[in-house]
Amino acid sequence: MRSTSSRRTGAGKVSGTPIRHPGRGRRLYTIENPRKSTVLTVMTALFTLYCLLPLVWLVINATKSQADFVSTFGLAPGRGFALWDNIVGVFTYQDGIFSRWLLNTVVYVVVGATVSTFLAALGGYALAKLDFTGKRVFLFVVLGSISVPGIALAIPQFLLFAQLGMTNTPWAVLIPSFINPFGLYLMWVFAAEAVPSGLLEAAKIDGAGEFRTFVQIALPLLAPASVTVLLFSFVSIWNNYFLPLIMLKDPAWYPLTVGINQWNKLGSTAGNGALIQNLVITSSLLTIIPLIVAFLSLQRYWQSGLSLGAIKG
C-alpha cells in the first residue's frame, strides 16, 4: 500500500499536503491547502490599490502647503512638510467653526448610535423571544424597510419635521438616526440563536420582569452583535450628509460632512478655491481618523461576534 504525507481528520476531511485522487492523478485541495489562483490574486491586488490610492493621495496632499498643492504632482510630496500648519489653519479658519462641527458630529454619533443600538437590541430580542399580536406583519415591515434607501425618506422626513417645527434643530438629525432597520434585523437573527429560552424562563420563575430579564440576561449575551450594530450606526451617522443638508440651515449645527462641503463650495464660488483647498483636504483627513480608530479599537469584539454567529449557524 502506497504511503502518503496526508492524514484524514473527522468525517472524510483531508489535511496536510494535497494528495492525488487514486487512479486519476488529480490533486485534491483542502482549506489548509487551497488552490492558488493568479487571476484572483491580481484582482485582489487591484482592488486593494483602488481602495488605498485615494487615502494615500489624501495623506500626501494634507502635508503640503497651499503653494506646493497647486504646483506639485498629487502623489508626490511637497517641498516642505506643512501638516501641522494646515491643522492649525483648519481649527482657526472662520473663528474655529470646525471645532463646533466636530463637536456636533460627536454628539450626533454618540447619542444616535447608542440609542439606535439599544433600540435594535430591544426590538430584536422581542421579535426573537416574545410572542405578540401582529408579530409576523411587523417582521415583513422590517424586512421591507431594509430595502428602502435612506435618501428616499429624507424629503418625507423633512416635511414631517417642518410640520412639527423641528427643522434647523439637532433633533431633526438625531431622531431619524434612532431607527435602524438593518440593525434590528441583525439583532433579531442573533438573539434567536444566542439567547437560550431556558435561561429566560428561569429568570421569569425567579420573579424578573420582561425588561429586567432583557437588561440583565439577554443584553450581555447580545454584546458581540451590539458592537457590530454600533459600528454600522457609527459609520452611517458620521458620514450622513443629505439629511443634515436639508434639515439644517444654521452653520452652528452642521456636522463635519456638511461643513467641509460648504468650505469647498465657498472657495469655488468665490473664485479662489485654491486658497483653501489645503484646509478642505486636511479637514477631510481629520474626519476619517475617528472612523479608523473606532474600527481598530472594536475590531476584536466585532470579529468575535461574527465568529460566534458562524459557529451557531
C-alpha atoms as a PDB file:
ATOM      1  CA  MET A   1       0.000   0.000   0.000  1.00  0.00           C
ATOM      2  CA  ARG A   2       1.343   3.422  -1.025  1.00  0.00           C
ATOM      3  CA  SER A   3       2.043   5.785   1.880  1.00  0.00           C
ATOM      4  CA  THR A   4       1.003   9.382   1.689  1.00  0.00           C
ATOM      5  CA  SER A   5       2.031  12.538   3.553  1.00  0.00           C
ATOM      6  CA  SER A   6      -1.590  13.380   4.253  1.00  0.00           C
ATOM      7  CA  ARG A   7      -3.839  12.361   7.097  1.00  0.00           C
ATOM      8  CA  ARG A   8      -7.597  12.253   7.493  1.00  0.00           C
ATOM      9  CA  THR A   9      -9.372  14.066  10.313  1.00  0.00           C
ATOM     10  CA  GLY A  10     -13.046  13.822  11.163  1.00  0.00           C
ATOM     11  CA  ALA A  11     -15.529  12.619   8.592  1.00  0.00           C
ATOM     12  CA  GLY A  12     -13.569  12.479   5.356  1.00  0.00           C
ATOM     13  CA  LYS A  13     -11.698  15.772   5.821  1.00  0.00           C
ATOM     14  CA  VAL A  14      -8.186  15.825   4.482  1.00  0.00           C
ATOM     15  CA  SER A  15      -5.422  17.961   5.921  1.00  0.00           C
ATOM     16  CA  GLY A  16      -1.742  18.255   5.157  1.00  0.00           C
ATOM     17  CA  THR A  17      -0.288  18.475   1.671  1.00  0.00           C
ATOM     18  CA  PRO A  18      -2.535  17.969  -1.359  1.00  0.00           C
ATOM     19  CA  ILE A  19      -2.963  14.332  -2.409  1.00  0.00           C
ATOM     20  CA  ARG A  20      -3.726  12.779  -5.741  1.00  0.00           C
ATOM     21  CA  HIS A  21      -7.014  11.006  -6.349  1.00  0.00           C
ATOM     22  CA  PRO A  22      -6.392   7.227  -6.701  1.00  0.00           C
ATOM     23  CA  GLY A  23      -6.449   6.183 -10.321  1.00  0.00           C
ATOM     24  CA  ARG A  24      -6.960   9.647 -11.723  1.00  0.00           C
ATOM     25  CA  GLY A  25      -3.889  11.560 -10.683  1.00  0.00           C
ATOM     26  CA  ARG A  26      -5.859  14.719  -9.907  1.00  0.00           C
ATOM     27  CA  ARG A  27      -4.812  16.742  -6.915  1.00  0.00           C
ATOM     28  CA  LEU A  28      -7.292  17.354  -4.110  1.00  0.00           C
ATOM     29  CA  TYR A  29      -7.259  20.659  -2.248  1.00  0.00           C
ATOM     30  CA  THR A  30      -8.356  21.420   1.303  1.00  0.00           C
ATOM     31  CA  ILE A  31      -8.892  24.531   3.417  1.00  0.00           C
ATOM     32  CA  GLU A  32      -5.340  24.191   4.727  1.00  0.00           C
ATOM     33  CA  ASN A  33      -4.071  23.776   1.155  1.00  0.00           C
ATOM     34  CA  PRO A  34      -6.275  25.873  -1.112  1.00  0.00           C
ATOM     35  CA  ARG A  35      -5.871  26.068  -4.816  1.00  0.00           C
ATOM     36  CA  LYS A  36      -3.950  29.149  -5.882  1.00  0.00           C
ATOM     37  CA  SER A  37      -5.455  31.420  -8.488  1.00  0.00           C
ATOM     38  CA  THR A  38      -3.368  34.007 -10.267  1.00  0.00           C
ATOM     39  CA  VAL A  39      -6.461  35.802 -11.566  1.00  0.00           C
ATOM     40  CA  LEU A  40      -7.963  36.189  -8.094  1.00  0.00           C
ATOM     41  CA  THR A  41      -4.636  37.345  -6.685  1.00  0.00           C
ATOM     42  CA  VAL A  42      -4.313  40.042  -9.352  1.00  0.00           C
ATOM     43  CA  MET A  43      -7.926  41.135  -8.870  1.00  0.00           C
ATOM     44  CA  THR A  44      -7.422  41.381  -5.104  1.00  0.00           C
ATOM     45  CA  ALA A  45      -4.270  43.429  -5.594  1.00  0.00           C
ATOM     46  CA  LEU A  46      -6.068  45.807  -7.971  1.00  0.00           C
ATOM     47  CA  PHE A  47      -8.988  46.191  -5.569  1.00  0.00           C
ATOM     48  CA  THR A  48      -6.591  46.906  -2.693  1.00  0.00           C
ATOM     49  CA  LEU A  49      -4.811  49.522  -4.796  1.00  0.00           C
ATOM     50  CA  TYR A  50      -8.169  51.063  -5.739  1.00  0.00           C
ATOM     51  CA  CYS A  51      -9.118  51.381  -2.060  1.00  0.00           C
ATOM     52  CA  LEU A  52      -5.782  52.639  -0.777  1.00  0.00           C
ATOM     53  CA  LEU A  53      -4.857  55.080  -3.558  1.00  0.00           C
ATOM     54  CA  PRO A  54      -7.338  57.839  -2.538  1.00  0.00           C
ATOM     55  CA  LEU A  55      -6.208  57.540   1.081  1.00  0.00           C
ATOM     56  CA  VAL A  56      -2.556  57.818   0.082  1.00  0.00           C
ATOM     57  CA  TRP A  57      -3.367  60.851  -2.063  1.00  0.00           C
ATOM     58  CA  LEU A  58      -5.220  62.458   0.858  1.00  0.00           C
ATOM     59  CA  VAL A  59      -2.384  61.891   3.317  1.00  0.00           C
ATOM     60  CA  ILE A  60       0.274  63.202   0.936  1.00  0.00           C
ATOM     61  CA  ASN A  61      -1.622  66.359  -0.001  1.00  0.00           C
ATOM     62  CA  ALA A  62      -2.544  67.124   3.599  1.00  0.00           C
ATOM     63  CA  THR A  63       1.174  67.598   4.275  1.00  0.00           C
ATOM     64  CA  LYS A  64       1.600  70.207   1.531  1.00  0.00           C
ATOM     65  CA  SER A  65       1.398  73.956   1.765  1.00  0.00           C
ATOM     66  CA  GLN A  66      -1.037  75.756  -0.490  1.00  0.00           C
ATOM     67  CA  ALA A  67       1.741  76.663  -2.908  1.00  0.00           C
ATOM     68  CA  ASP A  68       3.006  73.080  -3.094  1.00  0.00           C
ATOM     69  CA  PHE A  69      -0.517  71.770  -3.592  1.00  0.00           C
ATOM     70  CA  VAL A  70      -1.065  73.766  -6.781  1.00  0.00           C
ATOM     71  CA  SER A  71       2.452  73.294  -8.158  1.00  0.00           C
ATOM     72  CA  THR A  72       3.326  69.618  -7.481  1.00  0.00           C
ATOM     73  CA  PHE A  73       2.048  66.246  -8.625  1.00  0.00           C
ATOM     74  CA  GLY A  74      -0.749  64.837  -6.467  1.00  0.00           C
ATOM     75  CA  LEU A  75       1.086  61.679  -5.390  1.00  0.00           C
ATOM     76  CA  ALA A  76       4.457  63.404  -4.943  1.00  0.00           C
ATOM     77  CA  PRO A  77       5.474  65.047  -1.650  1.00  0.00           C
ATOM     78  CA  GLY A  78       5.807  68.797  -1.466  1.00  0.00           C
ATOM     79  CA  ARG A  79       8.938  70.801  -0.913  1.00  0.00           C
ATOM     80  CA  GLY A  80       8.052  71.228   2.748  1.00  0.00           C
ATOM     81  CA  PHE A  81       6.072  69.440   5.453  1.00  0.00           C
ATOM     82  CA  ALA A  82       3.110  71.652   6.320  1.00  0.00           C
ATOM     83  CA  LEU A  83       0.755  69.216   8.041  1.00  0.00           C
ATOM     84  CA  TRP A  84       0.825  70.991  11.398  1.00  0.00           C
ATOM     85  CA  ASP A  85       0.313  74.406   9.791  1.00  0.00           C
ATOM     86  CA  ASN A  86      -2.665  73.032   7.877  1.00  0.00           C
ATOM     87  CA  ILE A  87      -4.189  71.560  11.049  1.00  0.00           C
ATOM     88  CA  VAL A  88      -3.825  74.900  12.826  1.00  0.00           C
ATOM     89  CA  GLY A  89      -5.429  76.598   9.838  1.00  0.00           C
ATOM     90  CA  VAL A  90      -8.368  74.196   9.919  1.00  0.00           C
ATOM     91  CA  PHE A  91      -9.112  74.902  13.581  1.00  0.00           C
ATOM     92  CA  THR A  92      -8.691  78.681  13.267  1.00  0.00           C
ATOM     93  CA  TYR A  93     -10.450  79.356   9.940  1.00  0.00           C
ATOM     94  CA  GLN A  94     -13.764  81.226  10.281  1.00  0.00           C
ATOM     95  CA  ASP A  95     -13.285  81.716  14.019  1.00  0.00           C
ATOM     96  CA  GLY A  96     -12.744  78.000  14.648  1.00  0.00           C
ATOM     97  CA  ILE A  97     -16.086  76.792  13.271  1.00  0.00           C
ATOM     98  CA  PHE A  98     -14.502  73.397  12.533  1.00  0.00           C
ATOM     99  CA  SER A  99     -14.341  72.650  16.264  1.00  0.00           C
ATOM    100  CA  ARG A 100     -18.097  73.276  16.525  1.00  0.00           C
ATOM    101  CA  TRP A 101     -18.753  70.976  13.559  1.00  0.00           C
ATOM    102  CA  LEU A 102     -16.594  68.295  15.157  1.00  0.00           C
ATOM    103  CA  LEU A 103     -18.456  68.592  18.450  1.00  0.00           C
ATOM    104  CA  ASN A 104     -21.810  68.426  16.654  1.00  0.00           C
ATOM    105  CA  THR A 105     -20.763  65.280  14.810  1.00  0.00           C
ATOM    106  CA  VAL A 106     -19.560  63.607  18.005  1.00  0.00           C
ATOM    107  CA  VAL A 107     -22.882  64.379  19.703  1.00  0.00           C
ATOM    108  CA  TYR A 108     -24.894  63.100  16.734  1.00  0.00           C
ATOM    109  CA  VAL A 109     -22.836  59.906  16.572  1.00  0.00           C
ATOM    110  CA  VAL A 110     -22.648  59.113  20.283  1.00  0.00           C
ATOM    111  CA  VAL A 111     -26.324  59.770  21.009  1.00  0.00           C
ATOM    112  CA  GLY A 112     -27.641  58.382  17.728  1.00  0.00           C
ATOM    113  CA  ALA A 113     -25.522  55.221  17.631  1.00  0.00           C
ATOM    114  CA  THR A 114     -26.088  54.409  21.303  1.00  0.00           C
ATOM    115  CA  VAL A 115     -29.862  54.850  21.174  1.00  0.00           C
ATOM    116  CA  SER A 116     -30.247  53.057  17.830  1.00  0.00           C
ATOM    117  CA  THR A 117     -28.167  50.100  19.033  1.00  0.00           C
ATOM    118  CA  PHE A 118     -30.168  49.786  22.259  1.00  0.00           C
ATOM    119  CA  LEU A 119     -33.478  50.014  20.400  1.00  0.00           C
ATOM    120  CA  ALA A 120     -32.282  47.463  17.834  1.00  0.00           C
ATOM    121  CA  ALA A 121     -31.258  45.064  20.606  1.00  0.00           C
ATOM    122  CA  LEU A 122     -34.554  45.580  22.418  1.00  0.00           C
ATOM    123  CA  GLY A 123     -36.606  45.080  19.256  1.00  0.00           C
ATOM    124  CA  GLY A 124     -34.560  42.110  18.064  1.00  0.00           C
ATOM    125  CA  TYR A 125     -34.932  40.406  21.429  1.00  0.00           C
ATOM    126  CA  ALA A 126     -38.698  40.971  21.391  1.00  0.00           C
ATOM    127  CA  LEU A 127     -39.059  39.601  17.870  1.00  0.00           C
ATOM    128  CA  ALA A 128     -36.949  36.551  18.615  1.00  0.00           C
ATOM    129  CA  LYS A 129     -38.162  35.580  22.080  1.00  0.00           C
ATOM    130  CA  LEU A 130     -41.600  37.097  22.688  1.00  0.00           C
ATOM    131  CA  ASP A 131     -44.981  36.303  21.163  1.00  0.00           C
ATOM    132  CA  PHE A 132     -47.364  39.183  20.493  1.00  0.00           C
ATOM    133  CA  THR A 133     -50.173  40.095  18.130  1.00  0.00           C
ATOM    134  CA  GLY A 134     -49.007  41.290  14.707  1.00  0.00           C
ATOM    135  CA  LYS A 135     -45.509  39.857  15.036  1.00  0.00           C
ATOM    136  CA  ARG A 136     -45.462  38.405  11.524  1.00  0.00           C
ATOM    137  CA  VAL A 137     -46.703  41.664   9.991  1.00  0.00           C
ATOM    138  CA  PHE A 138     -44.051  43.591  11.867  1.00  0.00           C
ATOM    139  CA  LEU A 139     -41.374  41.217  10.583  1.00  0.00           C
ATOM    140  CA  PHE A 140     -42.463  41.849   6.997  1.00  0.00           C
ATOM    141  CA  VAL A 141     -42.376  45.599   7.620  1.00  0.00           C
ATOM    142  CA  VAL A 142     -38.832  45.373   8.990  1.00  0.00           C
ATOM    143  CA  LEU A 143     -37.629  43.238   6.097  1.00  0.00           C
ATOM    144  CA  GLY A 144     -39.255  45.575   3.589  1.00  0.00           C
ATOM    145  CA  SER A 145     -37.809  48.705   5.166  1.00  0.00           C
ATOM    146  CA  ILE A 146     -34.274  47.346   4.776  1.00  0.00           C
ATOM    147  CA  SER A 147     -34.630  47.583   1.001  1.00  0.00           C
ATOM    148  CA  VAL A 148     -35.667  51.266   1.127  1.00  0.00           C
ATOM    149  CA  PRO A 149     -32.640  53.600   0.836  1.00  0.00           C
ATOM    150  CA  GLY A 150     -32.413  56.269   3.489  1.00  0.00           C
ATOM    151  CA  ILE A 151     -32.147  59.052   0.924  1.00  0.00           C
ATOM    152  CA  ALA A 152     -35.633  58.188  -0.342  1.00  0.00           C
ATOM    153  CA  LEU A 153     -37.044  59.015   3.090  1.00  0.00           C
ATOM    154  CA  ALA A 154     -35.203  62.313   3.527  1.00  0.00           C
ATOM    155  CA  ILE A 155     -37.815  64.519   1.842  1.00  0.00           C
ATOM    156  CA  PRO A 156     -40.815  62.965   3.684  1.00  0.00           C
ATOM    157  CA  GLN A 157     -38.892  63.311   6.943  1.00  0.00           C
ATOM    158  CA  PHE A 158     -38.160  66.959   6.183  1.00  0.00           C
ATOM    159  CA  LEU A 159     -41.843  67.671   5.508  1.00  0.00           C
ATOM    160  CA  LEU A 160     -42.832  65.903   8.722  1.00  0.00           C
ATOM    161  CA  PHE A 161     -40.295  67.752  10.863  1.00  0.00           C
ATOM    162  CA  ALA A 162     -41.246  71.040   9.190  1.00  0.00           C
ATOM    163  CA  GLN A 163     -44.860  70.489  10.290  1.00  0.00           C
ATOM    164  CA  LEU A 164     -43.618  69.840  13.817  1.00  0.00           C
ATOM    165  CA  GLY A 165     -41.386  72.929  13.763  1.00  0.00           C
ATOM    166  CA  MET A 166     -38.245  70.884  14.463  1.00  0.00           C
ATOM    167  CA  THR A 167     -36.165  71.681  11.386  1.00  0.00           C
ATOM    168  CA  ASN A 168     -32.887  73.512  11.933  1.00  0.00           C
ATOM    169  CA  THR A 169     -32.524  71.784  15.307  1.00  0.00           C
ATOM    170  CA  PRO A 170     -30.319  68.848  16.364  1.00  0.00           C
ATOM    171  CA  TRP A 171     -33.439  66.715  16.878  1.00  0.00           C
ATOM    172  CA  ALA A 172     -34.072  66.736  13.137  1.00  0.00           C
ATOM    173  CA  VAL A 173     -30.799  64.844  12.696  1.00  0.00           C
ATOM    174  CA  LEU A 174     -30.901  62.735  15.858  1.00  0.00           C
ATOM    175  CA  ILE A 175     -34.432  61.285  15.759  1.00  0.00           C
ATOM    176  CA  PRO A 176     -34.154  59.695  12.261  1.00  0.00           C
ATOM    177  CA  SER A 177     -30.840  58.114  13.300  1.00  0.00           C
ATOM    178  CA  PHE A 178     -32.547  56.269  16.165  1.00  0.00           C
ATOM    179  CA  ILE A 179     -34.268  53.919  13.710  1.00  0.00           C
ATOM    180  CA  ASN A 180     -32.011  51.248  12.198  1.00  0.00           C
ATOM    181  CA  PRO A 181     -33.977  48.527  10.333  1.00  0.00           C
ATOM    182  CA  PHE A 182     -30.882  46.556   9.347  1.00  0.00           C
ATOM    183  CA  GLY A 183     -29.595  46.647  12.923  1.00  0.00           C
ATOM    184  CA  LEU A 184     -32.987  45.441  14.154  1.00  0.00           C
ATOM    185  CA  TYR A 185     -32.924  42.545  11.682  1.00  0.00           C
ATOM    186  CA  LEU A 186     -29.359  41.616  12.646  1.00  0.00           C
ATOM    187  CA  MET A 187     -30.188  41.644  16.349  1.00  0.00           C
ATOM    188  CA  TRP A 188     -33.315  39.569  15.728  1.00  0.00           C
ATOM    189  CA  VAL A 189     -31.336  36.856  13.911  1.00  0.00           C
ATOM    190  CA  PHE A 190     -28.577  36.871  16.510  1.00  0.00           C
ATOM    191  CA  ALA A 191     -30.934  36.861  19.519  1.00  0.00           C
ATOM    192  CA  ALA A 192     -32.801  33.844  18.162  1.00  0.00           C
ATOM    193  CA  GLU A 193     -29.608  31.746  18.494  1.00  0.00           C
ATOM    194  CA  ALA A 194     -27.526  33.462  21.179  1.00  0.00           C
ATOM    195  CA  VAL A 195     -30.160  33.810  23.929  1.00  0.00           C
ATOM    196  CA  PRO A 196     -31.313  30.436  25.377  1.00  0.00           C
ATOM    197  CA  SER A 197     -35.032  30.313  26.025  1.00  0.00           C
ATOM    198  CA  GLY A 198     -34.463  28.157  29.110  1.00  0.00           C
ATOM    199  CA  LEU A 199     -32.357  30.880  30.686  1.00  0.00           C
ATOM    200  CA  LEU A 200     -35.129  33.422  30.148  1.00  0.00           C
ATOM    201  CA  GLU A 201     -37.710  31.086  31.652  1.00  0.00           C
ATOM    202  CA  ALA A 202     -35.512  30.569  34.720  1.00  0.00           C
ATOM    203  CA  ALA A 203     -35.236  34.336  35.180  1.00  0.00           C
ATOM    204  CA  LYS A 204     -39.008  34.734  34.973  1.00  0.00           C
ATOM    205  CA  ILE A 205     -39.508  31.946  37.511  1.00  0.00           C
ATOM    206  CA  ASP A 206     -37.247  33.884  39.866  1.00  0.00           C
ATOM    207  CA  GLY A 207     -39.591  36.846  39.539  1.00  0.00           C
ATOM    208  CA  ALA A 208     -37.747  39.010  36.999  1.00  0.00           C
ATOM    209  CA  GLY A 209     -39.890  41.131  34.695  1.00  0.00           C
ATOM    210  CA  GLU A 210     -39.511  41.329  30.929  1.00  0.00           C
ATOM    211  CA  PHE A 211     -37.363  44.474  30.896  1.00  0.00           C
ATOM    212  CA  ARG A 212     -35.154  43.280  33.765  1.00  0.00           C
ATOM    213  CA  THR A 213     -34.706  39.933  32.028  1.00  0.00           C
ATOM    214  CA  PHE A 214     -33.653  41.734  28.860  1.00  0.00           C
ATOM    215  CA  VAL A 215     -31.183  44.061  30.598  1.00  0.00           C
ATOM    216  CA  GLN A 216     -29.564  41.528  32.948  1.00  0.00           C
ATOM    217  CA  ILE A 217     -29.778  38.316  30.934  1.00  0.00           C
ATOM    218  CA  ALA A 218     -30.231  38.946  27.222  1.00  0.00           C
ATOM    219  CA  LEU A 219     -28.293  42.177  26.698  1.00  0.00           C
ATOM    220  CA  PRO A 220     -24.899  40.793  27.855  1.00  0.00           C
ATOM    221  CA  LEU A 221     -25.369  37.802  25.531  1.00  0.00           C
ATOM    222  CA  LEU A 222     -26.076  40.189  22.655  1.00  0.00           C
ATOM    223  CA  ALA A 223     -22.864  42.169  23.197  1.00  0.00           C
ATOM    224  CA  PRO A 224     -20.986  40.889  20.079  1.00  0.00           C
ATOM    225  CA  ALA A 225     -23.899  41.690  17.776  1.00  0.00           C
ATOM    226  CA  SER A 226     -24.412  45.020  19.566  1.00  0.00           C
ATOM    227  CA  VAL A 227     -20.838  46.035  18.751  1.00  0.00           C
ATOM    228  CA  THR A 228     -21.443  45.237  15.079  1.00  0.00           C
ATOM    229  CA  VAL A 229     -24.639  47.299  15.000  1.00  0.00           C
ATOM    230  CA  LEU A 230     -22.878  50.092  16.892  1.00  0.00           C
ATOM    231  CA  LEU A 231     -20.098  50.201  14.297  1.00  0.00           C
ATOM    232  CA  PHE A 232     -22.549  50.298  11.401  1.00  0.00           C
ATOM    233  CA  SER A 233     -24.527  53.074  13.096  1.00  0.00           C
ATOM    234  CA  PHE A 234     -21.329  54.967  13.894  1.00  0.00           C
ATOM    235  CA  VAL A 235     -20.181  54.959  10.279  1.00  0.00           C
ATOM    236  CA  SER A 236     -23.650  55.727   8.908  1.00  0.00           C
ATOM    237  CA  ILE A 237     -24.237  58.733  11.169  1.00  0.00           C
ATOM    238  CA  TRP A 238     -20.672  60.030  10.869  1.00  0.00           C
ATOM    239  CA  ASN A 239     -20.916  60.021   7.067  1.00  0.00           C
ATOM    240  CA  ASN A 240     -24.516  61.250   6.955  1.00  0.00           C
ATOM    241  CA  TYR A 241     -24.715  64.175   4.541  1.00  0.00           C
ATOM    242  CA  PHE A 242     -28.014  64.590   2.716  1.00  0.00           C
ATOM    243  CA  LEU A 243     -30.336  64.565   5.734  1.00  0.00           C
ATOM    244  CA  PRO A 244     -28.420  67.255   7.702  1.00  0.00           C
ATOM    245  CA  LEU A 245     -28.082  69.247   4.486  1.00  0.00           C
ATOM    246  CA  ILE A 246     -31.839  69.618   4.053  1.00  0.00           C
ATOM    247  CA  MET A 247     -32.695  69.762   7.761  1.00  0.00           C
ATOM    248  CA  LEU A 248     -30.200  72.375   8.944  1.00  0.00           C
ATOM    249  CA  LYS A 249     -29.719  75.981   7.890  1.00  0.00           C
ATOM    250  CA  ASP A 250     -27.660  77.316  10.774  1.00  0.00           C
ATOM    251  CA  PRO A 251     -23.935  76.520  10.255  1.00  0.00           C
ATOM    252  CA  ALA A 252     -23.589  76.253  14.026  1.00  0.00           C
ATOM    253  CA  TRP A 253     -25.481  72.907  13.880  1.00  0.00           C
ATOM    254  CA  TYR A 254     -23.692  71.472  10.837  1.00  0.00           C
ATOM    255  CA  PRO A 255     -21.894  68.115  11.088  1.00  0.00           C
ATOM    256  CA  LEU A 256     -18.453  67.729   9.541  1.00  0.00           C
ATOM    257  CA  THR A 257     -19.728  66.356   6.231  1.00  0.00           C
ATOM    258  CA  VAL A 258     -21.912  69.378   5.505  1.00  0.00           C
ATOM    259  CA  GLY A 259     -19.454  71.900   6.925  1.00  0.00           C
ATOM    260  CA  ILE A 260     -16.477  70.708   4.888  1.00  0.00           C
ATOM    261  CA  ASN A 261     -18.576  70.688   1.741  1.00  0.00           C
ATOM    262  CA  GLN A 262     -19.594  74.292   2.467  1.00  0.00           C
ATOM    263  CA  TRP A 263     -15.929  75.208   2.683  1.00  0.00           C
ATOM    264  CA  ASN A 264     -15.332  73.574  -0.679  1.00  0.00           C
ATOM    265  CA  LYS A 265     -18.252  75.445  -2.243  1.00  0.00           C
ATOM    266  CA  LEU A 266     -17.164  78.711  -0.623  1.00  0.00           C
ATOM    267  CA  GLY A 267     -13.778  78.622  -2.269  1.00  0.00           C
ATOM    268  CA  SER A 268     -15.179  77.522  -5.625  1.00  0.00           C
ATOM    269  CA  THR A 269     -17.947  80.133  -5.877  1.00  0.00           C
ATOM    270  CA  ALA A 270     -15.643  82.907  -4.715  1.00  0.00           C
ATOM    271  CA  GLY A 271     -13.150  82.143  -7.456  1.00  0.00           C
ATOM    272  CA  ASN A 272     -10.342  81.453  -5.001  1.00  0.00           C
ATOM    273  CA  GLY A 273     -10.909  77.775  -4.323  1.00  0.00           C
ATOM    274  CA  ALA A 274      -7.183  77.025  -4.372  1.00  0.00           C
ATOM    275  CA  LEU A 275      -6.691  79.327  -1.382  1.00  0.00           C
ATOM    276  CA  ILE A 276      -8.487  76.986   0.995  1.00  0.00           C
ATOM    277  CA  GLN A 277      -8.039  73.647  -0.746  1.00  0.00           C
ATOM    278  CA  ASN A 278      -5.342  72.707   1.746  1.00  0.00           C
ATOM    279  CA  LEU A 279      -7.875  73.277   4.540  1.00  0.00           C
ATOM    280  CA  VAL A 280     -10.512  71.153   2.814  1.00  0.00           C
ATOM    281  CA  ILE A 281      -8.085  68.276   2.291  1.00  0.00           C
ATOM    282  CA  THR A 282      -6.636  68.423   5.805  1.00  0.00           C
ATOM    283  CA  SER A 283     -10.088  68.601   7.393  1.00  0.00           C
ATOM    284  CA  SER A 284     -11.134  65.584   5.308  1.00  0.00           C
ATOM    285  CA  LEU A 285      -8.146  63.653   6.648  1.00  0.00           C
ATOM    286  CA  LEU A 286      -9.022  64.633  10.217  1.00  0.00           C
ATOM    287  CA  THR A 287     -12.596  63.476   9.606  1.00  0.00           C
ATOM    288  CA  ILE A 288     -11.689  59.872   8.736  1.00  0.00           C
ATOM    289  CA  ILE A 289      -9.289  59.378  11.649  1.00  0.00           C
ATOM    290  CA  PRO A 290     -12.085  58.680  14.206  1.00  0.00           C
ATOM    291  CA  LEU A 291     -13.546  56.054  11.868  1.00  0.00           C
ATOM    292  CA  ILE A 292     -10.203  54.260  11.649  1.00  0.00           C
ATOM    293  CA  VAL A 293      -9.749  54.424  15.422  1.00  0.00           C
ATOM    294  CA  ALA A 294     -13.267  53.065  16.025  1.00  0.00           C
ATOM    295  CA  PHE A 295     -12.753  50.077  13.732  1.00  0.00           C
ATOM    296  CA  LEU A 296      -9.331  49.249  15.135  1.00  0.00           C
ATOM    297  CA  SER A 297     -10.446  49.508  18.762  1.00  0.00           C
ATOM    298  CA  LEU A 298     -13.631  47.470  18.293  1.00  0.00           C
ATOM    299  CA  GLN A 299     -12.279  45.002  15.749  1.00  0.00           C
ATOM    300  CA  ARG A 300     -11.699  42.249  18.324  1.00  0.00           C
ATOM    301  CA  TYR A 301     -15.302  42.372  19.562  1.00  0.00           C
ATOM    302  CA  TRP A 302     -16.653  42.593  16.022  1.00  0.00           C
ATOM    303  CA  GLN A 303     -14.699  39.542  14.860  1.00  0.00           C
ATOM    304  CA  SER A 304     -15.792  37.556  17.907  1.00  0.00           C
ATOM    305  CA  GLY A 305     -19.393  38.334  17.092  1.00  0.00           C
ATOM    306  CA  LEU A 306     -19.017  37.197  13.506  1.00  0.00           C
ATOM    307  CA  SER A 307     -17.225  34.017  14.587  1.00  0.00           C
ATOM    308  CA  LEU A 308     -19.900  33.223  17.169  1.00  0.00           C
ATOM    309  CA  GLY A 309     -22.600  33.732  14.558  1.00  0.00           C
ATOM    310  CA  ALA A 310     -20.805  31.412  12.145  1.00  0.00           C
ATOM    311  CA  ILE A 311     -20.446  28.685  14.774  1.00  0.00           C
ATOM    312  CA  LYS A 312     -24.095  28.924  15.758  1.00  0.00           C
ATOM    313  CA  GLY A 313     -25.148  28.888  12.134  1.00  0.00           C
END
